[in-house]
C-alpha atoms as a PDB file:
ATOM      1  CA  UNK A   1      -4.285  17.828  -9.339  1.00  0.00           C
ATOM      2  CA  UNK A   2      -2.154  15.183  -7.638  1.00  0.00           C
ATOM      3  CA  UNK A   3      -0.452  12.569  -9.778  1.00  0.00           C
ATOM      4  CA  UNK A   4       0.049   8.973  -8.615  1.00  0.00           C
ATOM      5  CA  UNK A   5       2.786   6.614  -9.773  1.00  0.00           C
ATOM      6  CA  UNK A   6       1.102   3.383 -10.920  1.00  0.00           C
ATOM      7  CA  UNK A   7       4.021   1.424 -12.392  1.00  0.00           C
ATOM      8  CA  UNK A   8       7.825   1.581 -12.315  1.00  0.00           C
ATOM      9  CA  UNK A   9      10.279  -0.616 -14.238  1.00  0.00           C
ATOM     10  CA  UNK A  10      13.811  -0.373 -12.847  1.00  0.00           C
ATOM     11  CA  UNK A  11      17.151  -1.785 -13.920  1.00  0.00           C
ATOM     12  CA  UNK A  12      18.971  -2.797 -10.730  1.00  0.00           C
ATOM     13  CA  UNK A  13      22.067  -4.629  -9.483  1.00  0.00           C
ATOM     14  CA  UNK A  14      21.956  -6.787  -6.347  1.00  0.00           C
ATOM     15  CA  UNK A  15      24.438  -8.924  -4.423  1.00  0.00           C
ATOM     16  CA  UNK A  16      24.052 -12.643  -5.251  1.00  0.00           C
ATOM     17  CA  UNK A  17      23.552 -13.494  -1.556  1.00  0.00           C
ATOM     18  CA  UNK A  18      20.262 -11.582  -1.445  1.00  0.00           C
ATOM     19  CA  UNK A  19      17.200 -13.662  -2.333  1.00  0.00           C
ATOM     20  CA  UNK A  20      14.817 -12.110  -4.855  1.00  0.00           C
ATOM     21  CA  UNK A  21      11.961 -13.507  -2.735  1.00  0.00           C
ATOM     22  CA  UNK A  22      13.182 -11.515   0.283  1.00  0.00           C
ATOM     23  CA  UNK A  23      13.593  -8.386  -1.846  1.00  0.00           C
ATOM     24  CA  UNK A  24      10.139  -8.778  -3.424  1.00  0.00           C
ATOM     25  CA  UNK A  25       8.485  -9.113  -0.003  1.00  0.00           C
ATOM     26  CA  UNK A  26      10.247  -5.978   1.251  1.00  0.00           C
ATOM     27  CA  UNK A  27       9.247  -3.994  -1.846  1.00  0.00           C
ATOM     28  CA  UNK A  28       5.660  -5.177  -1.453  1.00  0.00           C
ATOM     29  CA  UNK A  29       5.443  -3.190   1.753  1.00  0.00           C
ATOM     30  CA  UNK A  30       5.526   0.171  -0.099  1.00  0.00           C
ATOM     31  CA  UNK A  31       1.886  -0.220  -1.167  1.00  0.00           C
ATOM     32  CA  UNK A  32      -0.476  -2.748   0.411  1.00  0.00           C
ATOM     33  CA  UNK A  33      -1.922  -3.532  -3.037  1.00  0.00           C
ATOM     34  CA  UNK A  34       1.428  -3.528  -4.836  1.00  0.00           C
ATOM     35  CA  UNK A  35       2.362  -6.207  -7.329  1.00  0.00           C
ATOM     36  CA  UNK A  36       6.080  -6.914  -7.555  1.00  0.00           C
ATOM     37  CA  UNK A  37       7.805  -8.708 -10.418  1.00  0.00           C
ATOM     38  CA  UNK A  38      11.556  -9.383 -10.419  1.00  0.00           C
ATOM     39  CA  UNK A  39      13.370 -10.953 -13.360  1.00  0.00           C
ATOM     40  CA  UNK A  40      17.067 -11.872 -13.170  1.00  0.00           C
ATOM     41  CA  UNK A  41      18.495 -10.878 -16.548  1.00  0.00           C
ATOM     42  CA  UNK A  42      22.206 -11.421 -15.944  1.00  0.00           C
ATOM     43  CA  UNK A  43      24.342 -13.286 -13.411  1.00  0.00           C
ATOM     44  CA  UNK A  44      27.928 -12.424 -12.494  1.00  0.00           C
ATOM     45  CA  UNK A  45      30.257 -13.924  -9.883  1.00  0.00           C
ATOM     46  CA  UNK A  46      29.141 -11.491  -7.145  1.00  0.00           C
ATOM     47  CA  UNK A  47      26.069  -9.718  -8.524  1.00  0.00           C
ATOM     48  CA  UNK A  48      22.832 -10.213 -10.439  1.00  0.00           C
ATOM     49  CA  UNK A  49      21.209  -7.724 -12.808  1.00  0.00           C
ATOM     50  CA  UNK A  50      17.475  -7.382 -12.258  1.00  0.00           C
ATOM     51  CA  UNK A  51      14.437  -5.934 -13.979  1.00  0.00           C
ATOM     52  CA  UNK A  52      12.125  -4.888 -11.137  1.00  0.00           C
ATOM     53  CA  UNK A  53       8.528  -3.961 -11.930  1.00  0.00           C
ATOM     54  CA  UNK A  54       6.292  -2.481  -9.242  1.00  0.00           C
ATOM     55  CA  UNK A  55       2.591  -1.926  -9.941  1.00  0.00           C
ATOM     56  CA  UNK A  56       0.308  -0.250  -7.424  1.00  0.00           C
ATOM     57  CA  UNK A  57      -2.150   2.547  -6.729  1.00  0.00           C
ATOM     58  CA  UNK A  58       0.247   5.169  -5.414  1.00  0.00           C
ATOM     59  CA  UNK A  59       3.858   3.989  -5.331  1.00  0.00           C
ATOM     60  CA  UNK A  60       6.173   6.124  -3.210  1.00  0.00           C
ATOM     61  CA  UNK A  61       9.472   6.047  -5.099  1.00  0.00           C
ATOM     62  CA  UNK A  62      11.400   7.428  -2.107  1.00  0.00           C
ATOM     63  CA  UNK A  63      10.270   4.435  -0.036  1.00  0.00           C
ATOM     64  CA  UNK A  64      11.216   2.053  -2.852  1.00  0.00           C
ATOM     65  CA  UNK A  65      14.652   3.651  -3.117  1.00  0.00           C
ATOM     66  CA  UNK A  66      15.154   3.438   0.655  1.00  0.00           C
ATOM     67  CA  UNK A  67      14.313  -0.294   0.689  1.00  0.00           C
ATOM     68  CA  UNK A  68      16.639  -0.939  -2.239  1.00  0.00           C
ATOM     69  CA  UNK A  69      19.454   0.840  -0.370  1.00  0.00           C
ATOM     70  CA  UNK A  70      18.765  -1.102   2.841  1.00  0.00           C
ATOM     71  CA  UNK A  71      19.110  -4.385   0.936  1.00  0.00           C
ATOM     72  CA  UNK A  72      22.284  -3.319  -0.889  1.00  0.00           C
ATOM     73  CA  UNK A  73      20.559  -3.046  -4.270  1.00  0.00           C
ATOM     74  CA  UNK A  74      21.733  -0.348  -6.660  1.00  0.00           C
ATOM     75  CA  UNK A  75      19.153   1.164  -9.004  1.00  0.00           C
ATOM     76  CA  UNK A  76      20.968   1.709 -12.277  1.00  0.00           C
ATOM     77  CA  UNK A  77      18.038   3.421 -13.946  1.00  0.00           C
ATOM     78  CA  UNK A  78      14.300   3.724 -14.379  1.00  0.00           C
ATOM     79  CA  UNK A  79      13.404   2.226 -17.750  1.00  0.00           C
ATOM     80  CA  UNK A  80       9.649   2.902 -17.665  1.00  0.00           C
ATOM     81  CA  UNK A  81       7.166   4.756 -15.470  1.00  0.00           C
ATOM     82  CA  UNK A  82       3.383   5.146 -15.639  1.00  0.00           C
ATOM     83  CA  UNK A  83       1.447   7.825 -13.748  1.00  0.00           C
ATOM     84  CA  UNK A  84      -2.236   8.778 -13.500  1.00  0.00           C
ATOM     85  CA  UNK A  85      -4.117  11.653 -11.997  1.00  0.00           C
ATOM     86  CA  UNK A  86      -5.749  10.717  -8.731  1.00  0.00           C
END
């Protein structure tokens, strides 16, 4: 039986120049019904530490990772993940 990723909580590091609005819109493209939440938890001179939560019906983590790379965001770890059988 296939398993679908429904929710991912990631710890990430982004350049300060990148808007979290721009990043959230890009991440929203991975699933047309995705809900994206980004919280800035720490600010440094050149970077910001983020908690990124993505909720959806079938999140493709490879696509999420690709978008993060394209925007210069480093995923430091996956803190939580929820999956369901389809």
